[in-house]
Every structure is written in structure tokens, then in C-alpha cells.
PDB file of N, CA and C in Angstrom:
ATOM      1  N   MET A   1     -40.954-139.064  16.172  1.00  0.00           N
ATOM      2  CA  MET A   1     -39.838-139.478  16.981  1.00  0.00           C
ATOM      3  C   MET A   1     -40.055-138.996  18.396  1.00  0.00           C
ATOM      4  N   ASN A   2     -39.450-139.691  19.312  1.00  0.00           N
ATOM      5  CA  ASN A   2     -39.535-139.336  20.713  1.00  0.00           C
ATOM      6  C   ASN A   2     -38.113-139.245  21.259  1.00  0.00           C
ATOM      7  N   ILE A   3     -37.773-138.107  21.858  1.00  0.00           N
ATOM      8  CA  ILE A   3     -36.454-137.910  22.425  1.00  0.00           C
ATOM      9  C   ILE A   3     -36.587-137.834  23.939  1.00  0.00           C
ATOM     10  N   THR A   4     -35.756-138.603  24.630  1.00  0.00           N
ATOM     11  CA  THR A   4     -35.753-138.605  26.097  1.00  0.00           C
ATOM     12  C   THR A   4     -34.310-138.720  26.586  1.00  0.00           C
ATOM     13  N   GLN A   5     -34.139-138.370  27.850  1.00  0.00           N
ATOM     14  CA  GLN A   5     -32.870-138.630  28.504  1.00  0.00           C
ATOM     15  C   GLN A   5     -33.089-139.807  29.440  1.00  0.00           C
ATOM     16  N   VAL A   6     -32.278-140.840  29.259  1.00  0.00           N
ATOM     17  CA  VAL A   6     -32.335-142.018  30.106  1.00  0.00           C
ATOM     18  C   VAL A   6     -30.959-142.160  30.738  1.00  0.00           C
ATOM     19  N   ASN A   7     -30.902-141.934  32.046  1.00  0.00           N
ATOM     20  CA  ASN A   7     -29.638-141.909  32.762  1.00  0.00           C
ATOM     21  C   ASN A   7     -28.721-140.865  32.113  1.00  0.00           C
ATOM     22  N   GLN A   8     -27.557-141.262  31.654  1.00  0.00           N
ATOM     23  CA  GLN A   8     -26.601-140.323  31.055  1.00  0.00           C
ATOM     24  C   GLN A   8     -26.613-140.421  29.512  1.00  0.00           C
ATOM     25  N   ASN A   9     -27.742-140.852  28.957  1.00  0.00           N
ATOM     26  CA  ASN A   9     -27.870-141.042  27.513  1.00  0.00           C
ATOM     27  C   ASN A   9     -29.032-140.242  26.948  1.00  0.00           C
ATOM     28  N   LEU A  10     -28.841-139.792  25.726  1.00  0.00           N
ATOM     29  CA  LEU A  10     -29.934-139.204  24.945  1.00  0.00           C
ATOM     30  C   LEU A  10     -30.478-140.350  24.098  1.00  0.00           C
ATOM     31  N   GLN A  11     -31.774-140.579  24.179  1.00  0.00           N
ATOM     32  CA  GLN A  11     -32.398-141.693  23.462  1.00  0.00           C
ATOM     33  C   GLN A  11     -33.381-141.117  22.437  1.00  0.00           C
ATOM     34  N   ILE A  12     -33.206-141.531  21.167  1.00  0.00           N
ATOM     35  CA  ILE A  12     -34.094-141.112  20.082  1.00  0.00           C
ATOM     36  C   ILE A  12     -34.826-142.361  19.602  1.00  0.00           C
ATOM     37  N   GLU A  13     -36.147-142.393  19.795  1.00  0.00           N
ATOM     38  CA  GLU A  13     -36.953-143.523  19.353  1.00  0.00           C
ATOM     39  C   GLU A  13     -37.730-143.104  18.119  1.00  0.00           C
ATOM     40  N   TRP A  14     -37.645-143.924  17.081  1.00  0.00           N
ATOM     41  CA  TRP A  14     -38.261-143.610  15.802  1.00  0.00           C
ATOM     42  C   TRP A  14     -39.608-144.298  15.681  1.00  0.00           C
ATOM     43  N   GLU A  15     -40.581-143.612  15.120  1.00  0.00           N
ATOM     44  CA  GLU A  15     -41.857-144.206  14.743  1.00  0.00           C
ATOM     45  C   GLU A  15     -41.607-145.083  13.514  1.00  0.00           C
ATOM     46  N   TRP A  16     -42.482-146.047  13.279  1.00  0.00           N
ATOM     47  CA  TRP A  16     -42.276-146.981  12.175  1.00  0.00           C
ATOM     48  C   TRP A  16     -42.191-146.274  10.828  1.00  0.00           C
ATOM     49  N   HIS A  17     -43.009-145.241  10.627  1.00  0.00           N
ATOM     50  CA  HIS A  17     -42.996-144.541   9.325  1.00  0.00           C
ATOM     51  C   HIS A  17     -41.725-143.708   9.165  1.00  0.00           C
ATOM     52  N   GLU A  18     -41.143-143.224  10.262  1.00  0.00           N
ATOM     53  CA  GLU A  18     -39.876-142.492  10.176  1.00  0.00           C
ATOM     54  C   GLU A  18     -38.742-143.462   9.827  1.00  0.00           C
ATOM     55  N   GLN A  19     -38.768-144.634  10.410  1.00  0.00           N
ATOM     56  CA  GLN A  19     -37.778-145.663  10.062  1.00  0.00           C
ATOM     57  C   GLN A  19     -37.881-146.027   8.589  1.00  0.00           C
ATOM     58  N   LEU A  20     -39.110-146.137   8.099  1.00  0.00           N
ATOM     59  CA  LEU A  20     -39.317-146.489   6.695  1.00  0.00           C
ATOM     60  C   LEU A  20     -38.797-145.389   5.774  1.00  0.00           C
ATOM     61  N   LEU A  21     -39.144-144.134   6.044  1.00  0.00           N
ATOM     62  CA  LEU A  21     -38.714-143.027   5.188  1.00  0.00           C
ATOM     63  C   LEU A  21     -37.198-142.864   5.153  1.00  0.00           C
ATOM     64  N   ALA A  22     -36.557-143.085   6.307  1.00  0.00           N
ATOM     65  CA  ALA A  22     -35.112-142.930   6.391  1.00  0.00           C
ATOM     66  C   ALA A  22     -34.366-144.224   6.038  1.00  0.00           C
ATOM     67  N   LEU A  23     -35.111-145.290   5.749  1.00  0.00           N
ATOM     68  CA  LEU A  23     -34.520-146.607   5.522  1.00  0.00           C
ATOM     69  C   LEU A  23     -33.559-146.939   6.669  1.00  0.00           C
ATOM     70  N   ASN A  24     -34.058-146.698   7.880  1.00  0.00           N
ATOM     71  CA  ASN A  24     -33.279-146.844   9.100  1.00  0.00           C
ATOM     72  C   ASN A  24     -33.679-148.147   9.796  1.00  0.00           C
ATOM     73  N   PRO A  25     -32.765-149.102   9.910  1.00  0.00           N
ATOM     74  CA  PRO A  25     -33.117-150.361  10.556  1.00  0.00           C
ATOM     75  C   PRO A  25     -33.181-150.274  12.080  1.00  0.00           C
ATOM     76  N   LYS A  26     -32.645-149.214  12.675  1.00  0.00           N
ATOM     77  CA  LYS A  26     -32.621-149.106  14.127  1.00  0.00           C
ATOM     78  C   LYS A  26     -33.870-148.394  14.642  1.00  0.00           C
ATOM     79  N   ARG A  27     -34.513-148.983  15.613  1.00  0.00           N
ATOM     80  CA  ARG A  27     -35.703-148.389  16.241  1.00  0.00           C
ATOM     81  C   ARG A  27     -35.316-147.272  17.201  1.00  0.00           C
ATOM     82  N   THR A  28     -34.123-147.409  17.810  1.00  0.00           N
ATOM     83  CA  THR A  28     -33.675-146.447  18.822  1.00  0.00           C
ATOM     84  C   THR A  28     -32.207-146.122  18.634  1.00  0.00           C
ATOM     85  N   PHE A  29     -31.871-144.846  18.726  1.00  0.00           N
ATOM     86  CA  PHE A  29     -30.488-144.393  18.806  1.00  0.00           C
ATOM     87  C   PHE A  29     -30.235-144.064  20.279  1.00  0.00           C
ATOM     88  N   VAL A  30     -29.150-144.555  20.830  1.00  0.00           N
ATOM     89  CA  VAL A  30     -28.745-144.233  22.199  1.00  0.00           C
ATOM     90  C   VAL A  30     -27.376-143.562  22.116  1.00  0.00           C
ATOM     91  N   ILE A  31     -27.341-142.297  22.583  1.00  0.00           N
ATOM     92  CA  ILE A  31     -26.121-141.513  22.488  1.00  0.00           C
ATOM     93  C   ILE A  31     -25.714-141.061  23.882  1.00  0.00           C
ATOM     94  N   PRO A  32     -24.551-141.478  24.365  1.00  0.00           N
ATOM     95  CA  PRO A  32     -24.088-140.962  25.661  1.00  0.00           C
ATOM     96  C   PRO A  32     -23.965-139.430  25.587  1.00  0.00           C
ATOM     97  N   LEU A  33     -24.497-138.763  26.590  1.00  0.00           N
ATOM     98  CA  LEU A  33     -24.459-137.297  26.587  1.00  0.00           C
ATOM     99  C   LEU A  33     -23.031-136.763  26.530  1.00  0.00           C
ATOM    100  N   ASN A  34     -22.067-137.500  27.082  1.00  0.00           N
ATOM    101  CA  ASN A  34     -20.697-137.016  27.023  1.00  0.00           C
ATOM    102  C   ASN A  34     -20.049-137.214  25.663  1.00  0.00           C
ATOM    103  N   HIS A  35     -20.768-137.798  24.692  1.00  0.00           N
ATOM    104  CA  HIS A  35     -20.288-137.907  23.304  1.00  0.00           C
ATOM    105  C   HIS A  35     -20.813-136.757  22.456  1.00  0.00           C
ATOM    106  N   ILE A  36     -21.619-135.893  23.022  1.00  0.00           N
ATOM    107  CA  ILE A  36     -22.129-134.724  22.283  1.00  0.00           C
ATOM    108  C   ILE A  36     -21.161-133.573  22.496  1.00  0.00           C
ATOM    109  N   GLU A  37     -20.481-133.173  21.415  1.00  0.00           N
ATOM    110  CA  GLU A  37     -19.511-132.077  21.484  1.00  0.00           C
ATOM    111  C   GLU A  37     -20.191-130.712  21.442  1.00  0.00           C
ATOM    112  N   ALA A  38     -21.231-130.607  20.647  1.00  0.00           N
ATOM    113  CA  ALA A  38     -21.936-129.324  20.487  1.00  0.00           C
ATOM    114  C   ALA A  38     -23.354-129.603  20.014  1.00  0.00           C
ATOM    115  N   VAL A  39     -24.216-128.620  20.254  1.00  0.00           N
ATOM    116  CA  VAL A  39     -25.620-128.712  19.835  1.00  0.00           C
ATOM    117  C   VAL A  39     -26.035-127.353  19.307  1.00  0.00           C
ATOM    118  N   SER A  40     -26.893-127.342  18.295  1.00  0.00           N
ATOM    119  CA  SER A  40     -27.295-126.100  17.666  1.00  0.00           C
ATOM    120  C   SER A  40     -28.751-126.198  17.190  1.00  0.00           C
ATOM    121  N   THR A  41     -29.405-125.034  17.123  1.00  0.00           N
ATOM    122  CA  THR A  41     -30.759-124.971  16.541  1.00  0.00           C
ATOM    123  C   THR A  41     -30.755-124.185  15.226  1.00  0.00           C
ATOM    124  N   ASN A  42     -29.567-123.871  14.726  1.00  0.00           N
ATOM    125  CA  ASN A  42     -29.466-123.148  13.457  1.00  0.00           C
ATOM    126  C   ASN A  42     -29.884-124.066  12.305  1.00  0.00           C
ATOM    127  N   LYS A  43     -30.373-123.446  11.239  1.00  0.00           N
ATOM    128  CA  LYS A  43     -30.714-124.236  10.050  1.00  0.00           C
ATOM    129  C   LYS A  43     -29.441-124.886   9.517  1.00  0.00           C
ATOM    130  N   PRO A  44     -29.439-126.213   9.369  1.00  0.00           N
ATOM    131  CA  PRO A  44     -28.221-126.898   8.908  1.00  0.00           C
ATOM    132  C   PRO A  44     -27.915-126.609   7.437  1.00  0.00           C
ATOM    133  N   VAL A  45     -26.636-126.596   7.134  1.00  0.00           N
ATOM    134  CA  VAL A  45     -26.209-126.389   5.765  1.00  0.00           C
ATOM    135  C   VAL A  45     -26.171-127.734   5.063  1.00  0.00           C
ATOM    136  N   SER A  46     -26.783-127.772   3.905  1.00  0.00           N
ATOM    137  CA  SER A  46     -26.799-128.985   3.102  1.00  0.00           C
ATOM    138  C   SER A  46     -26.082-128.696   1.801  1.00  0.00           C
ATOM    139  N   SER A  47     -25.576-129.745   1.161  1.00  0.00           N
ATOM    140  CA  SER A  47     -24.803-129.555  -0.067  1.00  0.00           C
ATOM    141  C   SER A  47     -25.203-130.589  -1.094  1.00  0.00           C
ATOM    142  N   CYS A  48     -25.098-130.220  -2.351  1.00  0.00           N
ATOM    143  CA  CYS A  48     -25.374-131.185  -3.423  1.00  0.00           C
ATOM    144  C   CYS A  48     -24.272-132.216  -3.548  1.00  0.00           C
ATOM    145  N   LEU A  49     -23.178-132.020  -2.820  1.00  0.00           N
ATOM    146  CA  LEU A  49     -22.056-132.954  -2.867  1.00  0.00           C
ATOM    147  C   LEU A  49     -22.207-134.103  -1.888  1.00  0.00           C
ATOM    148  N   GLU A  50     -23.272-134.093  -1.084  1.00  0.00           N
ATOM    149  CA  GLU A  50     -23.518-135.175  -0.137  1.00  0.00           C
ATOM    150  C   GLU A  50     -23.966-136.425  -0.871  1.00  0.00           C
ATOM    151  N   ILE A  51     -23.563-137.553  -0.340  1.00  0.00           N
ATOM    152  CA  ILE A  51     -23.954-138.842  -0.924  1.00  0.00           C
ATOM    153  C   ILE A  51     -24.964-139.474   0.028  1.00  0.00           C
ATOM    154  N   ARG A  52     -26.156-139.781  -0.479  1.00  0.00           N
ATOM    155  CA  ARG A  52     -27.213-140.387   0.337  1.00  0.00           C
ATOM    156  C   ARG A  52     -27.155-141.886   0.173  1.00  0.00           C
ATOM    157  N   THR A  53     -27.116-142.605   1.288  1.00  0.00           N
ATOM    158  CA  THR A  53     -27.034-144.053   1.229  1.00  0.00           C
ATOM    159  C   THR A  53     -27.369-144.683   2.565  1.00  0.00           C
ATOM    160  N   PRO A  54     -28.455-145.237   2.829  1.00  0.00           N
ATOM    161  CA  PRO A  54     -29.728-145.125   2.129  1.00  0.00           C
ATOM    162  C   PRO A  54     -30.529-143.964   2.696  1.00  0.00           C
ATOM    163  N   GLY A  55     -31.639-143.669   2.102  1.00  0.00           N
ATOM    164  CA  GLY A  55     -32.496-142.608   2.596  1.00  0.00           C
ATOM    165  C   GLY A  55     -33.419-142.052   1.535  1.00  0.00           C
ATOM    166  N   LEU A  56     -34.045-140.957   1.885  1.00  0.00           N
ATOM    167  CA  LEU A  56     -35.034-140.319   1.019  1.00  0.00           C
ATOM    168  C   LEU A  56     -34.828-138.829   1.039  1.00  0.00           C
ATOM    169  N   VAL A  57     -34.939-138.210  -0.125  1.00  0.00           N
ATOM    170  CA  VAL A  57     -34.940-136.750  -0.171  1.00  0.00           C
ATOM    171  C   VAL A  57     -35.994-136.303  -1.174  1.00  0.00           C
ATOM    172  N   ILE A  58     -36.834-135.402  -0.740  1.00  0.00           N
ATOM    173  CA  ILE A  58     -37.771-134.688  -1.616  1.00  0.00           C
ATOM    174  C   ILE A  58     -37.477-133.232  -1.360  1.00  0.00           C
ATOM    175  N   PRO A  59     -36.765-132.569  -2.269  1.00  0.00           N
ATOM    176  CA  PRO A  59     -36.295-131.208  -2.029  1.00  0.00           C
ATOM    177  C   PRO A  59     -37.418-130.284  -1.528  1.00  0.00           C
ATOM    178  N   GLY A  60     -37.102-129.596  -0.430  1.00  0.00           N
ATOM    179  CA  GLY A  60     -38.044-128.673   0.173  1.00  0.00           C
ATOM    180  C   GLY A  60     -39.100-129.322   1.041  1.00  0.00           C
ATOM    181  N   ILE A  61     -39.153-130.656   1.094  1.00  0.00           N
ATOM    182  CA  ILE A  61     -40.177-131.378   1.869  1.00  0.00           C
ATOM    183  C   ILE A  61     -39.556-132.190   3.004  1.00  0.00           C
ATOM    184  N   ILE A  62     -38.652-133.118   2.647  1.00  0.00           N
ATOM    185  CA  ILE A  62     -38.070-134.003   3.652  1.00  0.00           C
ATOM    186  C   ILE A  62     -36.674-134.442   3.206  1.00  0.00           C
ATOM    187  N   LYS A  63     -35.798-134.617   4.192  1.00  0.00           N
ATOM    188  CA  LYS A  63     -34.482-135.201   3.980  1.00  0.00           C
ATOM    189  C   LYS A  63     -34.296-136.185   5.126  1.00  0.00           C
ATOM    190  N   ALA A  64     -34.199-137.476   4.805  1.00  0.00           N
ATOM    191  CA  ALA A  64     -34.149-138.507   5.830  1.00  0.00           C
ATOM    192  C   ALA A  64     -33.183-139.600   5.416  1.00  0.00           C
ATOM    193  N   GLY A  65     -32.315-139.996   6.353  1.00  0.00           N
ATOM    194  CA  GLY A  65     -31.431-141.110   6.091  1.00  0.00           C
ATOM    195  C   GLY A  65     -29.980-140.781   6.393  1.00  0.00           C
ATOM    196  N   ILE A  66     -29.117-141.644   5.889  1.00  0.00           N
ATOM    197  CA  ILE A  66     -27.682-141.521   6.112  1.00  0.00           C
ATOM    198  C   ILE A  66     -27.075-140.787   4.918  1.00  0.00           C
ATOM    199  N   TYR A  67     -26.225-139.812   5.259  1.00  0.00           N
ATOM    200  CA  TYR A  67     -25.536-139.005   4.242  1.00  0.00           C
ATOM    201  C   TYR A  67     -24.059-138.951   4.572  1.00  0.00           C
ATOM    202  N   TYR A  68     -23.246-138.959   3.515  1.00  0.00           N
ATOM    203  CA  TYR A  68     -21.807-138.784   3.663  1.00  0.00           C
ATOM    204  C   TYR A  68     -21.442-137.430   3.052  1.00  0.00           C
ATOM    205  N   SER A  69     -20.677-136.667   3.798  1.00  0.00           N
ATOM    206  CA  SER A  69     -20.250-135.351   3.316  1.00  0.00           C
ATOM    207  C   SER A  69     -18.792-135.162   3.698  1.00  0.00           C
ATOM    208  N   ASN A  70     -18.273-133.982   3.391  1.00  0.00           N
ATOM    209  CA  ASN A  70     -16.891-133.684   3.798  1.00  0.00           C
ATOM    210  C   ASN A  70     -16.765-133.603   5.321  1.00  0.00           C
ATOM    211  N   ARG A  71     -17.888-133.535   6.025  1.00  0.00           N
ATOM    212  CA  ARG A  71     -17.883-133.514   7.489  1.00  0.00           C
ATOM    213  C   ARG A  71     -17.837-134.930   8.074  1.00  0.00           C
ATOM    214  N   GLY A  72     -18.200-135.930   7.259  1.00  0.00           N
ATOM    215  CA  GLY A  72     -18.237-137.314   7.716  1.00  0.00           C
ATOM    216  C   GLY A  72     -19.634-137.914   7.540  1.00  0.00           C
ATOM    217  N   LYS A  73     -19.887-139.007   8.235  1.00  0.00           N
ATOM    218  CA  LYS A  73     -21.177-139.711   8.154  1.00  0.00           C
ATOM    219  C   LYS A  73     -22.192-138.996   9.037  1.00  0.00           C
ATOM    220  N   GLU A  74     -23.350-138.719   8.462  1.00  0.00           N
ATOM    221  CA  GLU A  74     -24.396-137.962   9.167  1.00  0.00           C
ATOM    222  C   GLU A  74     -25.734-138.671   9.041  1.00  0.00           C
ATOM    223  N   PHE A  75     -26.594-138.468  10.027  1.00  0.00           N
ATOM    224  CA  PHE A  75     -27.976-138.955   9.951  1.00  0.00           C
ATOM    225  C   PHE A  75     -28.896-137.750   9.953  1.00  0.00           C
ATOM    226  N   TRP A  76     -29.761-137.655   8.964  1.00  0.00           N
ATOM    227  CA  TRP A  76     -30.705-136.548   8.821  1.00  0.00           C
ATOM    228  C   TRP A  76     -32.141-137.068   8.938  1.00  0.00           C
ATOM    229  N   TYR A  77     -32.966-136.343   9.673  1.00  0.00           N
ATOM    230  CA  TYR A  77     -34.407-136.512   9.619  1.00  0.00           C
ATOM    231  C   TYR A  77     -35.005-135.125   9.826  1.00  0.00           C
ATOM    232  N   VAL A  78     -35.154-134.398   8.736  1.00  0.00           N
ATOM    233  CA  VAL A  78     -35.671-133.038   8.802  1.00  0.00           C
ATOM    234  C   VAL A  78     -36.806-132.863   7.805  1.00  0.00           C
ATOM    235  N   LYS A  79     -37.745-132.025   8.194  1.00  0.00           N
ATOM    236  CA  LYS A  79     -38.891-131.706   7.354  1.00  0.00           C
ATOM    237  C   LYS A  79     -38.934-130.218   7.097  1.00  0.00           C
ATOM    238  N   LYS A  80     -39.651-129.843   6.074  1.00  0.00           N
ATOM    239  CA  LYS A  80     -39.782-128.436   5.664  1.00  0.00           C
ATOM    240  C   LYS A  80     -40.333-127.581   6.808  1.00  0.00           C
ATOM    241  N   ASN A  81     -39.736-126.403   6.965  1.00  0.00           N
ATOM    242  CA  ASN A  81     -40.205-125.405   7.929  1.00  0.00           C
ATOM    243  C   ASN A  81     -40.352-125.954   9.342  1.00  0.00           C
ATOM    244  N   GLN A  82     -39.387-126.712   9.785  1.00  0.00           N
ATOM    245  CA  GLN A  82     -39.404-127.259  11.119  1.00  0.00           C
ATOM    246  C   GLN A  82     -38.272-126.661  11.941  1.00  0.00           C
ATOM    247  N   ASP A  83     -38.342-126.827  13.234  1.00  0.00           N
ATOM    248  CA  ASP A  83     -37.294-126.359  14.141  1.00  0.00           C
ATOM    249  C   ASP A  83     -36.203-127.430  14.198  1.00  0.00           C
ATOM    250  N   TYR A  84     -34.960-127.005  13.998  1.00  0.00           N
ATOM    251  CA  TYR A  84     -33.850-127.927  13.861  1.00  0.00           C
ATOM    252  C   TYR A  84     -33.114-128.150  15.169  1.00  0.00           C
ATOM    253  N   LEU A  85     -32.539-129.334  15.301  1.00  0.00           N
ATOM    254  CA  LEU A  85     -31.622-129.661  16.385  1.00  0.00           C
ATOM    255  C   LEU A  85     -30.487-130.453  15.759  1.00  0.00           C
ATOM    256  N   THR A  86     -29.281-129.906  15.826  1.00  0.00           N
ATOM    257  CA  THR A  86     -28.110-130.568  15.276  1.00  0.00           C
ATOM    258  C   THR A  86     -27.192-130.963  16.402  1.00  0.00           C
ATOM    259  N   LEU A  87     -26.863-132.231  16.449  1.00  0.00           N
ATOM    260  CA  LEU A  87     -25.958-132.785  17.450  1.00  0.00           C
ATOM    261  C   LEU A  87     -24.632-133.095  16.784  1.00  0.00           C
ATOM    262  N   GLU A  88     -23.560-132.460  17.256  1.00  0.00           N
ATOM    263  CA  GLU A  88     -22.195-132.754  16.790  1.00  0.00           C
ATOM    264  C   GLU A  88     -21.647-133.800  17.762  1.00  0.00           C
ATOM    265  N   LEU A  89     -21.213-134.953  17.217  1.00  0.00           N
ATOM    266  CA  LEU A  89     -20.847-136.082  18.048  1.00  0.00           C
ATOM    267  C   LEU A  89     -19.387-136.483  17.914  1.00  0.00           C
ATOM    268  N   GLU A  90     -18.876-137.134  18.949  1.00  0.00           N
ATOM    269  CA  GLU A  90     -17.556-137.752  18.916  1.00  0.00           C
ATOM    270  C   GLU A  90     -17.688-139.195  19.392  1.00  0.00           C
ATOM    271  N   ASN A  91     -16.831-140.050  18.877  1.00  0.00           N
ATOM    272  CA  ASN A  91     -16.816-141.472  19.258  1.00  0.00           C
ATOM    273  C   ASN A  91     -18.168-142.166  19.019  1.00  0.00           C
ATOM    274  N   GLU A  92     -18.836-141.774  17.940  1.00  0.00           N
ATOM    275  CA  GLU A  92     -20.126-142.356  17.578  1.00  0.00           C
ATOM    276  C   GLU A  92     -20.127-142.755  16.100  1.00  0.00           C
ATOM    277  N   LEU A  93     -21.070-143.556  15.698  1.00  0.00           N
ATOM    278  CA  LEU A  93     -21.205-143.973  14.301  1.00  0.00           C
ATOM    279  C   LEU A  93     -21.386-142.772  13.384  1.00  0.00           C
ATOM    280  N   PHE A  94     -22.161-141.774  13.837  1.00  0.00           N
ATOM    281  CA  PHE A  94     -22.418-140.577  13.044  1.00  0.00           C
ATOM    282  C   PHE A  94     -21.635-139.404  13.632  1.00  0.00           C
ATOM    283  N   LYS A  95     -21.102-138.568  12.749  1.00  0.00           N
ATOM    284  CA  LYS A  95     -20.425-137.348  13.175  1.00  0.00           C
ATOM    285  C   LYS A  95     -21.471-136.298  13.566  1.00  0.00           C
ATOM    286  N   ARG A  96     -22.600-136.317  12.879  1.00  0.00           N
ATOM    287  CA  ARG A  96     -23.697-135.387  13.200  1.00  0.00           C
ATOM    288  C   ARG A  96     -25.026-136.104  13.056  1.00  0.00           C
ATOM    289  N   ILE A  97     -25.987-135.697  13.898  1.00  0.00           N
ATOM    290  CA  ILE A  97     -27.382-136.098  13.737  1.00  0.00           C
ATOM    291  C   ILE A  97     -28.162-134.807  13.649  1.00  0.00           C
ATOM    292  N   ILE A  98     -28.936-134.661  12.570  1.00  0.00           N
ATOM    293  CA  ILE A  98     -29.693-133.441  12.330  1.00  0.00           C
ATOM    294  C   ILE A  98     -31.170-133.827  12.316  1.00  0.00           C
ATOM    295  N   LEU A  99     -31.952-133.197  13.193  1.00  0.00           N
ATOM    296  CA  LEU A  99     -33.374-133.513  13.351  1.00  0.00           C
ATOM    297  C   LEU A  99     -34.207-132.248  13.224  1.00  0.00           C
ATOM    298  N   SER A 100     -35.469-132.414  12.952  1.00  0.00           N
ATOM    299  CA  SER A 100     -36.422-131.326  13.137  1.00  0.00           C
ATOM    300  C   SER A 100     -37.438-131.797  14.183  1.00  0.00           C
ATOM    301  N   ILE A 101     -37.491-131.012  15.268  1.00  0.00           N
ATOM    302  CA  ILE A 101     -38.347-131.371  16.400  1.00  0.00           C
ATOM    303  C   ILE A 101     -39.029-130.138  16.943  1.00  0.00           C
ATOM    304  N   ASP A 102     -40.141-130.325  17.637  1.00  0.00           N
ATOM    305  CA  ASP A 102     -40.918-129.205  18.177  1.00  0.00           C
ATOM    306  C   ASP A 102     -40.185-128.479  19.308  1.00  0.00           C
ATOM    307  N   ALA A 103     -39.636-129.188  20.245  1.00  0.00           N
ATOM    308  CA  ALA A 103     -39.036-128.587  21.436  1.00  0.00           C
ATOM    309  C   ALA A 103     -37.530-128.381  21.268  1.00  0.00           C
ATOM    310  N   ASN A 104     -37.115-127.915  20.095  1.00  0.00           N
ATOM    311  CA  ASN A 104     -35.675-127.824  19.837  1.00  0.00           C
ATOM    312  C   ASN A 104     -34.945-126.896  20.814  1.00  0.00           C
ATOM    313  N   GLN A 105     -35.538-125.768  21.164  1.00  0.00           N
ATOM    314  CA  GLN A 105     -34.889-124.821  22.060  1.00  0.00           C
ATOM    315  C   GLN A 105     -34.728-125.407  23.459  1.00  0.00           C
ATOM    316  N   ALA A 106     -35.731-126.118  23.941  1.00  0.00           N
ATOM    317  CA  ALA A 106     -35.660-126.755  25.263  1.00  0.00           C
ATOM    318  C   ALA A 106     -34.550-127.819  25.262  1.00  0.00           C
ATOM    319  N   TRP A 107     -34.443-128.617  24.195  1.00  0.00           N
ATOM    320  CA  TRP A 107     -33.400-129.632  24.129  1.00  0.00           C
ATOM    321  C   TRP A 107     -32.018-128.992  24.001  1.00  0.00           C
ATOM    322  N   LEU A 108     -31.926-127.893  23.274  1.00  0.00           N
ATOM    323  CA  LEU A 108     -30.657-127.170  23.183  1.00  0.00           C
ATOM    324  C   LEU A 108     -30.187-126.752  24.572  1.00  0.00           C
ATOM    325  N   GLU A 109     -31.063-126.152  25.334  1.00  0.00           N
ATOM    326  CA  GLU A 109     -30.712-125.703  26.692  1.00  0.00           C
ATOM    327  C   GLU A 109     -30.390-126.887  27.603  1.00  0.00           C
ATOM    328  N   HIS A 110     -31.155-127.945  27.516  1.00  0.00           N
ATOM    329  CA  HIS A 110     -30.941-129.133  28.359  1.00  0.00           C
ATOM    330  C   HIS A 110     -29.582-129.762  28.066  1.00  0.00           C
ATOM    331  N   ILE A 111     -29.279-129.976  26.800  1.00  0.00           N
ATOM    332  CA  ILE A 111     -28.021-130.611  26.423  1.00  0.00           C
ATOM    333  C   ILE A 111     -26.830-129.697  26.726  1.00  0.00           C
ATOM    334  N   ASN A 112     -26.969-128.408  26.428  1.00  0.00           N
ATOM    335  CA  ASN A 112     -25.885-127.460  26.730  1.00  0.00           C
ATOM    336  C   ASN A 112     -25.610-127.406  28.231  1.00  0.00           C
ATOM    337  N   HIS A 113     -26.656-127.465  29.043  1.00  0.00           N
ATOM    338  CA  HIS A 113     -26.468-127.467  30.482  1.00  0.00           C
ATOM    339  C   HIS A 113     -25.639-128.698  30.897  1.00  0.00           C
ATOM    340  N   TYR A 114     -25.971-129.852  30.331  1.00  0.00           N
ATOM    341  CA  TYR A 114     -25.227-131.067  30.654  1.00  0.00           C
ATOM    342  C   TYR A 114     -23.781-130.941  30.186  1.00  0.00           C
ATOM    343  N   ILE A 115     -23.570-130.498  28.941  1.00  0.00           N
ATOM    344  CA  ILE A 115     -22.222-130.393  28.370  1.00  0.00           C
ATOM    345  C   ILE A 115     -21.355-129.479  29.222  1.00  0.00           C
ATOM    346  N   HIS A 116     -21.892-128.337  29.627  1.00  0.00           N
ATOM    347  CA  HIS A 116     -21.096-127.344  30.339  1.00  0.00           C
ATOM    348  C   HIS A 116     -20.961-127.615  31.844  1.00  0.00           C
ATOM    349  N   SER A 117     -21.752-128.553  32.365  1.00  0.00           N
ATOM    350  CA  SER A 117     -21.633-128.864  33.794  1.00  0.00           C
ATOM    351  C   SER A 117     -20.757-130.092  34.031  1.00  0.00           C
ATOM    352  N   ASN A 118     -20.349-130.769  32.961  1.00  0.00           N
ATOM    353  CA  ASN A 118     -19.514-131.973  33.127  1.00  0.00           C
ATOM    354  C   ASN A 118     -18.147-131.803  32.494  1.00  0.00           C
TER     355      ASN A 118
END
């Protein structure tokens, strides 16, 4: 995946194999930065009560796709032993987007700077 800021939006572009694993029909997610309520690099909490529809899970290896939980509709694309980035959203299709990315700390600081300056 490739994450960039385009104007006032966070853009997440998926590689074809990531789209396939997550059963995600969208090539790109575009999220207005002012729709991000909070961002975190903490390991996300997962529950056996989540409903996956559609997506893929191999415990301890990968969790990818759309999940419904008591928190609402979420999109996960995380791999084992990766650095996490969790976006808490408002006025979006997903309540949370949870990713594992290399530059998670840099994105945390970048997004927090935007959130707190606007």
C-alpha cells in the first residue's frame, strides 16, 4: 500500500494483491484529514466477536478486510509483527481503519500535527 497526503486528504492506494487478500473492490481510499478524529500506533485490540464480511484472516499472520464490531464498521489490513496505524474516523464509511505500515510513527506525527493545528 502507498499512503500519501493529497491536498487536504489522506490517500491510501492498494496494491492488487492487497485488494485481493482483503476482497476490497476499491483501489484507493480517500479520507479528508478533518474526518480523522484520532490516530494511534498502539497494537489494536481484536475480538472473536467481530464479524468478517468480506475478508481474510489467518491468525497470527494477516487480518484483511471489512469487520463489524461493537465499535462499528472497520477496515483492517494488518500483518504479523508490523507497525500499526489506527485511524479513528467520523462521517466516513468506516469508523476505524487499521493498517500495518513501515512509517507509522511519521504518519502519526504528521496526522496529529494536522488535527491539532486545525
